[in-house]
N, C-alpha and C. Protein backbone atom coordinates (compact mmCIF):
# COMPACT_ATOMS: atom_id res chain seq x y z
N MET A 1 -19.43 0.59 -32.40
CA MET A 1 -19.23 2.00 -32.15
C MET A 1 -20.53 2.69 -31.72
N ASN A 2 -21.63 2.25 -32.27
CA ASN A 2 -22.91 2.88 -31.91
C ASN A 2 -23.23 2.73 -30.44
N ASP A 3 -22.88 1.56 -29.86
CA ASP A 3 -23.12 1.34 -28.44
C ASP A 3 -22.31 2.31 -27.59
N HIS A 4 -21.03 2.52 -27.96
CA HIS A 4 -20.17 3.47 -27.23
C HIS A 4 -20.80 4.86 -27.25
N LEU A 5 -21.18 5.29 -28.44
CA LEU A 5 -21.73 6.64 -28.60
C LEU A 5 -23.07 6.80 -27.89
N ALA A 6 -23.89 5.77 -27.91
CA ALA A 6 -25.19 5.84 -27.23
C ALA A 6 -25.01 6.00 -25.73
N VAL A 7 -24.09 5.25 -25.14
CA VAL A 7 -23.85 5.38 -23.70
C VAL A 7 -23.23 6.73 -23.39
N ALA A 8 -22.30 7.18 -24.21
CA ALA A 8 -21.68 8.50 -23.99
C ALA A 8 -22.75 9.60 -24.04
N GLU A 9 -23.67 9.50 -24.97
CA GLU A 9 -24.75 10.48 -25.06
C GLU A 9 -25.65 10.41 -23.82
N ALA A 10 -26.01 9.21 -23.40
CA ALA A 10 -26.84 9.05 -22.20
C ALA A 10 -26.13 9.56 -20.95
N PHE A 11 -24.80 9.52 -20.98
CA PHE A 11 -23.98 9.94 -19.84
C PHE A 11 -24.12 11.44 -19.56
N ARG A 12 -24.64 12.19 -20.52
CA ARG A 12 -24.85 13.63 -20.32
C ARG A 12 -25.70 13.91 -19.07
N ILE A 13 -26.55 12.97 -18.70
CA ILE A 13 -27.39 13.19 -17.51
C ILE A 13 -26.55 13.31 -16.23
N CYS A 14 -25.29 12.92 -16.30
CA CYS A 14 -24.40 12.97 -15.14
C CYS A 14 -23.64 14.29 -15.03
N ALA A 15 -23.89 15.24 -15.91
CA ALA A 15 -23.11 16.49 -15.94
C ALA A 15 -23.13 17.22 -14.59
N GLU A 16 -24.30 17.37 -13.99
CA GLU A 16 -24.39 18.07 -12.70
C GLU A 16 -23.61 17.33 -11.61
N THR A 17 -23.71 16.01 -11.61
CA THR A 17 -23.00 15.20 -10.62
C THR A 17 -21.49 15.35 -10.80
N ILE A 18 -21.03 15.29 -12.03
CA ILE A 18 -19.60 15.44 -12.31
C ILE A 18 -19.12 16.80 -11.83
N ASN A 19 -19.88 17.84 -12.12
CA ASN A 19 -19.51 19.18 -11.69
C ASN A 19 -19.46 19.27 -10.16
N ALA A 20 -20.46 18.70 -9.50
CA ALA A 20 -20.50 18.75 -8.03
C ALA A 20 -19.32 17.99 -7.42
N ILE A 21 -18.98 16.85 -7.98
CA ILE A 21 -17.82 16.11 -7.46
C ILE A 21 -16.54 16.89 -7.72
N GLY A 22 -16.42 17.48 -8.90
CA GLY A 22 -15.24 18.31 -9.19
C GLY A 22 -15.10 19.45 -8.21
N GLU A 23 -16.20 20.11 -7.88
CA GLU A 23 -16.17 21.20 -6.89
C GLU A 23 -15.77 20.68 -5.51
N ARG A 24 -16.23 19.49 -5.17
CA ARG A 24 -15.85 18.90 -3.88
C ARG A 24 -14.35 18.61 -3.86
N LEU A 25 -13.81 18.12 -4.96
CA LEU A 25 -12.37 17.85 -5.03
C LEU A 25 -11.58 19.13 -4.85
N ILE A 26 -11.99 20.19 -5.53
CA ILE A 26 -11.31 21.48 -5.41
C ILE A 26 -11.35 21.96 -3.97
N ALA A 27 -12.50 21.91 -3.34
CA ALA A 27 -12.64 22.37 -1.95
C ALA A 27 -11.75 21.56 -1.01
N ALA A 28 -11.70 20.25 -1.22
CA ALA A 28 -10.87 19.41 -0.36
C ALA A 28 -9.40 19.74 -0.52
N ILE A 29 -8.95 19.89 -1.74
CA ILE A 29 -7.54 20.20 -1.97
C ILE A 29 -7.20 21.58 -1.43
N GLU A 30 -8.11 22.54 -1.62
CA GLU A 30 -7.92 23.89 -1.05
C GLU A 30 -7.78 23.84 0.46
N ALA A 31 -8.47 22.90 1.10
CA ALA A 31 -8.45 22.77 2.56
C ALA A 31 -7.27 21.92 3.05
N GLY A 32 -6.39 21.53 2.14
CA GLY A 32 -5.24 20.73 2.52
C GLY A 32 -5.50 19.23 2.48
N GLY A 33 -6.62 18.83 1.94
CA GLY A 33 -6.94 17.41 1.84
C GLY A 33 -6.34 16.77 0.61
N LYS A 34 -6.55 15.48 0.52
CA LYS A 34 -6.06 14.73 -0.63
C LYS A 34 -7.20 13.93 -1.23
N VAL A 35 -6.94 13.40 -2.41
CA VAL A 35 -7.90 12.56 -3.11
C VAL A 35 -7.34 11.15 -3.11
N LEU A 36 -8.06 10.23 -2.48
CA LEU A 36 -7.66 8.82 -2.45
C LEU A 36 -8.62 8.04 -3.33
N LEU A 37 -8.06 7.19 -4.21
CA LEU A 37 -8.87 6.44 -5.16
C LEU A 37 -8.52 4.97 -5.11
N PHE A 38 -9.51 4.10 -5.38
CA PHE A 38 -9.24 2.67 -5.39
C PHE A 38 -10.31 1.94 -6.19
N GLY A 39 -9.93 0.79 -6.71
CA GLY A 39 -10.82 -0.06 -7.48
C GLY A 39 -10.13 -1.38 -7.76
N ASN A 40 -10.78 -2.26 -8.47
CA ASN A 40 -10.24 -3.57 -8.84
C ASN A 40 -10.11 -3.67 -10.36
N GLY A 41 -9.11 -4.39 -10.83
CA GLY A 41 -8.95 -4.63 -12.26
C GLY A 41 -8.82 -3.33 -13.04
N GLY A 42 -9.67 -3.17 -14.06
CA GLY A 42 -9.66 -1.95 -14.86
C GLY A 42 -9.95 -0.72 -14.03
N SER A 43 -10.76 -0.86 -13.00
CA SER A 43 -11.06 0.27 -12.12
C SER A 43 -9.85 0.64 -11.26
N ALA A 44 -8.99 -0.33 -10.96
CA ALA A 44 -7.73 -0.03 -10.27
C ALA A 44 -6.84 0.81 -11.19
N ALA A 45 -6.81 0.44 -12.47
CA ALA A 45 -6.02 1.22 -13.44
C ALA A 45 -6.59 2.63 -13.57
N ASP A 46 -7.91 2.76 -13.55
CA ASP A 46 -8.52 4.09 -13.61
C ASP A 46 -8.15 4.91 -12.37
N ALA A 47 -8.15 4.29 -11.20
CA ALA A 47 -7.76 4.98 -9.98
C ALA A 47 -6.34 5.51 -10.10
N GLN A 48 -5.44 4.69 -10.60
CA GLN A 48 -4.04 5.09 -10.77
C GLN A 48 -3.93 6.22 -11.80
N HIS A 49 -4.65 6.10 -12.88
CA HIS A 49 -4.63 7.10 -13.95
C HIS A 49 -5.06 8.47 -13.40
N ILE A 50 -6.19 8.50 -12.71
CA ILE A 50 -6.71 9.77 -12.19
C ILE A 50 -5.79 10.33 -11.11
N ALA A 51 -5.28 9.48 -10.23
CA ALA A 51 -4.36 9.96 -9.19
C ALA A 51 -3.12 10.59 -9.81
N ALA A 52 -2.61 10.01 -10.88
CA ALA A 52 -1.43 10.57 -11.56
C ALA A 52 -1.73 11.94 -12.14
N GLU A 53 -2.94 12.14 -12.63
CA GLU A 53 -3.31 13.45 -13.19
C GLU A 53 -3.26 14.53 -12.11
N PHE A 54 -3.59 14.17 -10.88
CA PHE A 54 -3.51 15.13 -9.77
C PHE A 54 -2.05 15.36 -9.35
N SER A 55 -1.33 14.28 -9.12
CA SER A 55 0.02 14.38 -8.57
C SER A 55 1.04 14.94 -9.55
N VAL A 56 0.85 14.65 -10.82
CA VAL A 56 1.83 15.09 -11.82
C VAL A 56 1.31 16.32 -12.56
N ARG A 57 0.33 16.10 -13.41
CA ARG A 57 -0.32 17.18 -14.15
C ARG A 57 -1.40 16.57 -15.01
N TYR A 58 -2.35 17.39 -15.36
CA TYR A 58 -3.35 16.96 -16.34
C TYR A 58 -2.96 17.60 -17.67
N ARG A 59 -3.34 18.84 -17.91
CA ARG A 59 -2.95 19.49 -19.16
C ARG A 59 -2.01 20.66 -18.94
N THR A 60 -2.04 21.23 -17.76
CA THR A 60 -1.23 22.41 -17.51
C THR A 60 -0.21 22.13 -16.41
N ASN A 61 0.90 22.81 -16.49
CA ASN A 61 1.89 22.70 -15.41
C ASN A 61 1.38 23.54 -14.25
N ARG A 62 1.30 22.92 -13.11
CA ARG A 62 0.82 23.56 -11.88
C ARG A 62 1.47 22.83 -10.72
N ALA A 63 1.23 23.33 -9.55
CA ALA A 63 1.76 22.64 -8.37
C ALA A 63 1.20 21.22 -8.30
N ALA A 64 2.00 20.32 -7.79
CA ALA A 64 1.53 18.94 -7.59
C ALA A 64 0.42 18.93 -6.55
N LEU A 65 -0.60 18.13 -6.79
CA LEU A 65 -1.73 18.01 -5.88
C LEU A 65 -1.76 16.60 -5.31
N ALA A 66 -2.32 16.46 -4.13
CA ALA A 66 -2.30 15.18 -3.43
C ALA A 66 -3.36 14.22 -3.98
N GLY A 67 -2.96 13.40 -4.92
CA GLY A 67 -3.80 12.33 -5.45
C GLY A 67 -3.08 11.01 -5.19
N LEU A 68 -3.76 10.05 -4.62
CA LEU A 68 -3.13 8.80 -4.22
C LEU A 68 -4.01 7.62 -4.57
N ALA A 69 -3.46 6.70 -5.36
CA ALA A 69 -4.17 5.45 -5.68
C ALA A 69 -3.78 4.41 -4.65
N LEU A 70 -4.77 3.80 -4.02
CA LEU A 70 -4.50 2.79 -3.00
C LEU A 70 -4.30 1.41 -3.62
N THR A 71 -4.08 1.37 -4.90
CA THR A 71 -3.99 0.13 -5.66
C THR A 71 -2.55 -0.25 -6.01
N THR A 72 -1.58 0.55 -5.60
CA THR A 72 -0.24 0.41 -6.17
C THR A 72 0.81 -0.20 -5.26
N ASP A 73 0.61 -0.23 -3.99
CA ASP A 73 1.63 -0.73 -3.07
C ASP A 73 1.45 -2.24 -2.88
N THR A 74 2.19 -3.01 -3.65
CA THR A 74 2.00 -4.47 -3.62
C THR A 74 2.33 -5.07 -2.26
N SER A 75 3.25 -4.49 -1.54
CA SER A 75 3.56 -5.02 -0.21
C SER A 75 2.38 -4.86 0.74
N VAL A 76 1.77 -3.68 0.73
CA VAL A 76 0.60 -3.45 1.58
C VAL A 76 -0.56 -4.33 1.13
N LEU A 77 -0.81 -4.37 -0.17
CA LEU A 77 -1.94 -5.16 -0.69
C LEU A 77 -1.81 -6.64 -0.35
N THR A 78 -0.61 -7.18 -0.54
CA THR A 78 -0.44 -8.61 -0.30
C THR A 78 -0.36 -8.94 1.19
N ALA A 79 0.27 -8.08 1.98
CA ALA A 79 0.32 -8.33 3.43
C ALA A 79 -1.08 -8.26 4.03
N CYS A 80 -1.82 -7.23 3.64
CA CYS A 80 -3.18 -7.09 4.17
C CYS A 80 -4.06 -8.24 3.69
N GLY A 81 -3.95 -8.57 2.41
CA GLY A 81 -4.73 -9.69 1.87
C GLY A 81 -4.43 -10.98 2.59
N ASN A 82 -3.15 -11.21 2.88
CA ASN A 82 -2.73 -12.43 3.56
C ASN A 82 -3.16 -12.43 5.03
N ASP A 83 -2.94 -11.31 5.71
CA ASP A 83 -3.17 -11.26 7.15
C ASP A 83 -4.64 -11.02 7.54
N PHE A 84 -5.34 -10.23 6.76
CA PHE A 84 -6.71 -9.84 7.13
C PHE A 84 -7.76 -10.22 6.08
N GLY A 85 -7.34 -10.58 4.86
CA GLY A 85 -8.26 -10.92 3.79
C GLY A 85 -8.37 -9.83 2.75
N PHE A 86 -8.58 -10.25 1.52
CA PHE A 86 -8.64 -9.34 0.38
C PHE A 86 -9.72 -8.28 0.55
N ASP A 87 -10.80 -8.60 1.23
CA ASP A 87 -11.90 -7.65 1.40
C ASP A 87 -11.48 -6.40 2.17
N THR A 88 -10.40 -6.47 2.93
CA THR A 88 -10.00 -5.35 3.78
C THR A 88 -8.87 -4.50 3.21
N ILE A 89 -8.39 -4.81 2.01
CA ILE A 89 -7.18 -4.14 1.51
C ILE A 89 -7.31 -2.63 1.38
N TYR A 90 -8.49 -2.13 1.12
CA TYR A 90 -8.66 -0.68 1.01
C TYR A 90 -9.07 -0.05 2.34
N ALA A 91 -9.93 -0.69 3.08
CA ALA A 91 -10.34 -0.14 4.38
C ALA A 91 -9.13 0.03 5.30
N ARG A 92 -8.23 -0.91 5.26
CA ARG A 92 -7.04 -0.84 6.11
C ARG A 92 -6.17 0.37 5.73
N GLN A 93 -5.97 0.57 4.42
CA GLN A 93 -5.17 1.71 3.96
C GLN A 93 -5.86 3.04 4.28
N ILE A 94 -7.18 3.07 4.14
CA ILE A 94 -7.92 4.28 4.47
C ILE A 94 -7.78 4.60 5.95
N GLU A 95 -7.86 3.57 6.77
CA GLU A 95 -7.66 3.78 8.21
C GLU A 95 -6.30 4.42 8.49
N ALA A 96 -5.29 4.00 7.77
CA ALA A 96 -3.94 4.52 7.99
C ALA A 96 -3.70 5.90 7.37
N LEU A 97 -4.30 6.18 6.21
CA LEU A 97 -3.92 7.35 5.42
C LEU A 97 -4.94 8.47 5.36
N ALA A 98 -6.21 8.16 5.49
CA ALA A 98 -7.25 9.16 5.26
C ALA A 98 -7.46 10.06 6.48
N ARG A 99 -7.87 11.28 6.19
CA ARG A 99 -8.22 12.26 7.21
C ARG A 99 -9.56 12.88 6.82
N PRO A 100 -10.28 13.48 7.75
CA PRO A 100 -11.62 14.00 7.45
C PRO A 100 -11.67 15.01 6.30
N GLU A 101 -10.59 15.71 6.03
CA GLU A 101 -10.59 16.70 4.94
C GLU A 101 -10.40 16.07 3.56
N ASP A 102 -10.23 14.77 3.50
CA ASP A 102 -9.97 14.07 2.24
C ASP A 102 -11.26 13.67 1.52
N VAL A 103 -11.11 13.45 0.21
CA VAL A 103 -12.17 12.86 -0.61
C VAL A 103 -11.70 11.46 -0.98
N VAL A 104 -12.54 10.48 -0.74
CA VAL A 104 -12.23 9.09 -1.03
C VAL A 104 -13.16 8.61 -2.14
N ILE A 105 -12.55 8.15 -3.24
CA ILE A 105 -13.32 7.72 -4.41
C ILE A 105 -13.15 6.21 -4.59
N GLY A 106 -14.24 5.48 -4.45
CA GLY A 106 -14.26 4.05 -4.70
C GLY A 106 -14.86 3.79 -6.07
N ILE A 107 -14.17 2.99 -6.88
CA ILE A 107 -14.60 2.72 -8.25
C ILE A 107 -14.96 1.24 -8.39
N SER A 108 -16.21 0.97 -8.76
CA SER A 108 -16.67 -0.40 -8.96
C SER A 108 -17.79 -0.37 -10.00
N THR A 109 -17.58 -1.04 -11.12
CA THR A 109 -18.60 -1.01 -12.17
C THR A 109 -19.91 -1.64 -11.72
N SER A 110 -19.84 -2.66 -10.88
CA SER A 110 -21.06 -3.30 -10.36
C SER A 110 -21.58 -2.60 -9.12
N GLY A 111 -20.68 -1.96 -8.39
CA GLY A 111 -21.04 -1.34 -7.13
C GLY A 111 -21.12 -2.30 -5.97
N ASN A 112 -20.72 -3.54 -6.20
CA ASN A 112 -20.88 -4.56 -5.16
C ASN A 112 -19.58 -5.24 -4.73
N SER A 113 -18.44 -4.75 -5.15
CA SER A 113 -17.16 -5.34 -4.74
C SER A 113 -16.98 -5.11 -3.25
N THR A 114 -16.84 -6.17 -2.50
CA THR A 114 -16.79 -6.06 -1.04
C THR A 114 -15.66 -5.16 -0.56
N ASN A 115 -14.49 -5.24 -1.18
CA ASN A 115 -13.39 -4.39 -0.72
C ASN A 115 -13.66 -2.90 -0.99
N ILE A 116 -14.43 -2.60 -2.03
CA ILE A 116 -14.79 -1.21 -2.30
C ILE A 116 -15.86 -0.76 -1.30
N VAL A 117 -16.82 -1.61 -1.04
CA VAL A 117 -17.87 -1.31 -0.05
C VAL A 117 -17.23 -1.02 1.30
N LEU A 118 -16.35 -1.91 1.76
CA LEU A 118 -15.73 -1.73 3.08
C LEU A 118 -14.83 -0.50 3.12
N GLY A 119 -14.15 -0.21 2.02
CA GLY A 119 -13.31 0.99 1.96
C GLY A 119 -14.13 2.26 2.09
N LEU A 120 -15.23 2.34 1.36
CA LEU A 120 -16.09 3.52 1.45
C LEU A 120 -16.76 3.62 2.82
N GLU A 121 -17.15 2.50 3.39
CA GLU A 121 -17.73 2.53 4.74
C GLU A 121 -16.73 3.07 5.75
N LYS A 122 -15.48 2.61 5.66
CA LYS A 122 -14.44 3.08 6.59
C LYS A 122 -14.21 4.58 6.41
N ALA A 123 -14.12 5.03 5.16
CA ALA A 123 -13.89 6.45 4.89
C ALA A 123 -15.03 7.30 5.43
N ARG A 124 -16.23 6.85 5.22
CA ARG A 124 -17.40 7.60 5.71
C ARG A 124 -17.40 7.66 7.24
N ALA A 125 -17.09 6.54 7.88
CA ALA A 125 -17.04 6.50 9.35
C ALA A 125 -15.96 7.42 9.90
N MET A 126 -14.91 7.65 9.11
CA MET A 126 -13.82 8.53 9.53
C MET A 126 -14.10 10.00 9.23
N GLY A 127 -15.23 10.28 8.61
CA GLY A 127 -15.60 11.67 8.33
C GLY A 127 -15.12 12.20 7.00
N CYS A 128 -14.64 11.34 6.12
CA CYS A 128 -14.20 11.77 4.79
C CYS A 128 -15.41 11.95 3.88
N ALA A 129 -15.25 12.78 2.87
CA ALA A 129 -16.25 12.85 1.81
C ALA A 129 -16.06 11.61 0.95
N THR A 130 -17.14 10.92 0.66
CA THR A 130 -17.04 9.69 -0.12
C THR A 130 -17.76 9.83 -1.46
N VAL A 131 -17.12 9.27 -2.48
CA VAL A 131 -17.66 9.31 -3.84
C VAL A 131 -17.60 7.91 -4.41
N ALA A 132 -18.69 7.49 -5.04
CA ALA A 132 -18.74 6.19 -5.72
C ALA A 132 -18.82 6.44 -7.21
N PHE A 133 -17.91 5.81 -7.96
CA PHE A 133 -18.01 5.72 -9.42
C PHE A 133 -18.54 4.33 -9.70
N THR A 134 -19.71 4.23 -10.30
CA THR A 134 -20.32 2.92 -10.53
C THR A 134 -21.16 2.96 -11.80
N GLY A 135 -21.93 1.92 -12.01
CA GLY A 135 -22.79 1.84 -13.18
C GLY A 135 -23.98 0.95 -12.90
N GLY A 136 -24.74 0.65 -13.93
CA GLY A 136 -25.90 -0.22 -13.78
C GLY A 136 -26.88 0.32 -12.77
N THR A 137 -27.16 -0.45 -11.75
CA THR A 137 -28.09 -0.02 -10.69
C THR A 137 -27.37 0.68 -9.54
N GLY A 138 -26.05 0.73 -9.58
CA GLY A 138 -25.28 1.40 -8.54
C GLY A 138 -24.76 0.48 -7.46
N GLY A 139 -25.44 -0.62 -7.24
CA GLY A 139 -24.99 -1.58 -6.24
C GLY A 139 -24.97 -0.99 -4.84
N LEU A 140 -24.25 -1.67 -3.95
CA LEU A 140 -24.18 -1.27 -2.54
C LEU A 140 -23.47 0.06 -2.34
N ILE A 141 -22.45 0.35 -3.16
CA ILE A 141 -21.70 1.59 -2.92
C ILE A 141 -22.55 2.83 -3.17
N ALA A 142 -23.57 2.71 -4.00
CA ALA A 142 -24.45 3.85 -4.25
C ALA A 142 -25.24 4.23 -3.00
N LYS A 143 -25.38 3.29 -2.07
CA LYS A 143 -26.10 3.55 -0.83
C LYS A 143 -25.18 4.09 0.27
N ILE A 144 -23.88 3.98 0.06
CA ILE A 144 -22.90 4.35 1.08
C ILE A 144 -22.34 5.75 0.85
N ALA A 145 -22.01 6.04 -0.41
CA ALA A 145 -21.27 7.26 -0.74
C ALA A 145 -22.13 8.52 -0.62
N HIS A 146 -21.47 9.62 -0.28
CA HIS A 146 -22.13 10.91 -0.24
C HIS A 146 -22.56 11.34 -1.65
N GLN A 147 -21.71 11.07 -2.63
CA GLN A 147 -22.00 11.42 -4.02
C GLN A 147 -21.78 10.19 -4.89
N VAL A 148 -22.64 10.01 -5.88
CA VAL A 148 -22.59 8.82 -6.73
C VAL A 148 -22.58 9.23 -8.19
N LEU A 149 -21.56 8.80 -8.90
CA LEU A 149 -21.50 8.94 -10.35
C LEU A 149 -21.97 7.61 -10.92
N LEU A 150 -23.19 7.58 -11.42
CA LEU A 150 -23.81 6.35 -11.89
C LEU A 150 -23.92 6.38 -13.42
N VAL A 151 -23.10 5.59 -14.07
CA VAL A 151 -23.13 5.51 -15.54
C VAL A 151 -24.36 4.70 -15.95
N PRO A 152 -25.17 5.24 -16.86
CA PRO A 152 -26.41 4.56 -17.24
C PRO A 152 -26.17 3.43 -18.24
N SER A 153 -25.49 2.39 -17.78
CA SER A 153 -25.24 1.22 -18.61
C SER A 153 -24.90 0.03 -17.70
N PRO A 154 -25.27 -1.18 -18.11
CA PRO A 154 -24.88 -2.37 -17.36
C PRO A 154 -23.59 -3.01 -17.91
N ILE A 155 -23.02 -2.43 -18.94
CA ILE A 155 -21.87 -3.03 -19.62
C ILE A 155 -20.57 -2.47 -19.04
N THR A 156 -19.75 -3.36 -18.49
CA THR A 156 -18.53 -2.95 -17.80
C THR A 156 -17.66 -2.02 -18.64
N ALA A 157 -17.40 -2.37 -19.88
CA ALA A 157 -16.52 -1.55 -20.72
C ALA A 157 -17.08 -0.15 -20.92
N ARG A 158 -18.39 -0.03 -21.13
CA ARG A 158 -19.00 1.30 -21.32
C ARG A 158 -18.92 2.11 -20.02
N ILE A 159 -19.13 1.44 -18.90
CA ILE A 159 -19.05 2.12 -17.60
C ILE A 159 -17.64 2.66 -17.40
N GLN A 160 -16.63 1.83 -17.67
CA GLN A 160 -15.24 2.26 -17.49
C GLN A 160 -14.89 3.42 -18.41
N GLU A 161 -15.38 3.39 -19.63
CA GLU A 161 -15.13 4.51 -20.55
C GLU A 161 -15.67 5.82 -19.98
N CYS A 162 -16.85 5.76 -19.42
CA CYS A 162 -17.44 6.97 -18.84
C CYS A 162 -16.75 7.39 -17.55
N HIS A 163 -16.28 6.43 -16.77
CA HIS A 163 -15.55 6.78 -15.54
C HIS A 163 -14.30 7.59 -15.86
N ILE A 164 -13.55 7.16 -16.86
CA ILE A 164 -12.32 7.90 -17.18
C ILE A 164 -12.66 9.24 -17.81
N LEU A 165 -13.73 9.31 -18.58
CA LEU A 165 -14.18 10.60 -19.12
C LEU A 165 -14.52 11.55 -17.98
N ALA A 166 -15.28 11.07 -17.00
CA ALA A 166 -15.62 11.90 -15.84
C ALA A 166 -14.38 12.32 -15.08
N GLY A 167 -13.45 11.39 -14.89
CA GLY A 167 -12.20 11.72 -14.21
C GLY A 167 -11.45 12.82 -14.93
N HIS A 168 -11.42 12.75 -16.24
CA HIS A 168 -10.73 13.80 -17.02
C HIS A 168 -11.45 15.14 -16.92
N ILE A 169 -12.77 15.12 -16.92
CA ILE A 169 -13.52 16.37 -16.77
C ILE A 169 -13.22 17.00 -15.41
N MET A 170 -13.17 16.18 -14.37
CA MET A 170 -12.87 16.69 -13.03
C MET A 170 -11.45 17.23 -12.97
N CYS A 171 -10.51 16.55 -13.61
CA CYS A 171 -9.12 17.03 -13.65
C CYS A 171 -9.04 18.37 -14.38
N GLU A 172 -9.82 18.51 -15.44
CA GLU A 172 -9.88 19.78 -16.17
C GLU A 172 -10.39 20.89 -15.27
N MET A 173 -11.41 20.59 -14.48
CA MET A 173 -11.94 21.58 -13.53
C MET A 173 -10.87 22.01 -12.54
N VAL A 174 -10.14 21.03 -12.02
CA VAL A 174 -9.07 21.33 -11.06
C VAL A 174 -7.99 22.18 -11.71
N ASP A 175 -7.57 21.80 -12.93
CA ASP A 175 -6.56 22.59 -13.65
C ASP A 175 -7.03 24.03 -13.85
N GLN A 176 -8.27 24.20 -14.28
CA GLN A 176 -8.79 25.54 -14.52
C GLN A 176 -8.84 26.35 -13.23
N HIS A 177 -9.19 25.71 -12.14
CA HIS A 177 -9.21 26.40 -10.85
C HIS A 177 -7.82 26.89 -10.48
N TRP A 178 -6.82 26.02 -10.61
CA TRP A 178 -5.47 26.43 -10.24
C TRP A 178 -4.87 27.43 -11.23
N ALA A 179 -5.29 27.41 -12.47
CA ALA A 179 -4.83 28.39 -13.46
C ALA A 179 -5.30 29.79 -13.05
N LYS A 180 -6.50 29.89 -12.50
CA LYS A 180 -7.03 31.17 -12.05
C LYS A 180 -6.25 31.72 -10.86
N LYS A 181 -5.68 30.81 -10.08
CA LYS A 181 -4.93 31.20 -8.89
C LYS A 181 -3.51 31.65 -9.21
N SER A 182 -3.03 31.32 -10.41
CA SER A 182 -1.63 31.62 -10.78
C SER A 182 -1.45 33.07 -11.15
């Protein structure tokens, strides 16, 4: 338990970054954009979790917002993996679905997953705002994304715990923004 709490306390250094990303999400949604998220393994589950908070609700009933996890369509994932290779499964979907007004969030605890790297590169080339959720040294995605949420830990489980905490804080910001508009 002490390790969890120590990383959570160290994570306070990310407060400004979390706020800035939350503001970017609000601006994108206000402009008619959507939030696209993707990751592998536990990070794929986090992408789905956060996307659901946008599309359904976080804590308050509000209009549905465009949050989309690129991790859920097994037909697209397997066809792309088979035809073009696993490394392209997110870049291909971003090419099809993303628009310049969107925010694209790639989640990788190491920051070096090739499919996350290629997805963020494609999004950036298309003019989307790109965000990396990562940890440790940040890996390659920290060099690609416009904004980087870097959890100060090399331990995958601690990084994932902080990623979902940050996602919830951002969802809270979005909820509060829309509550003011009601």
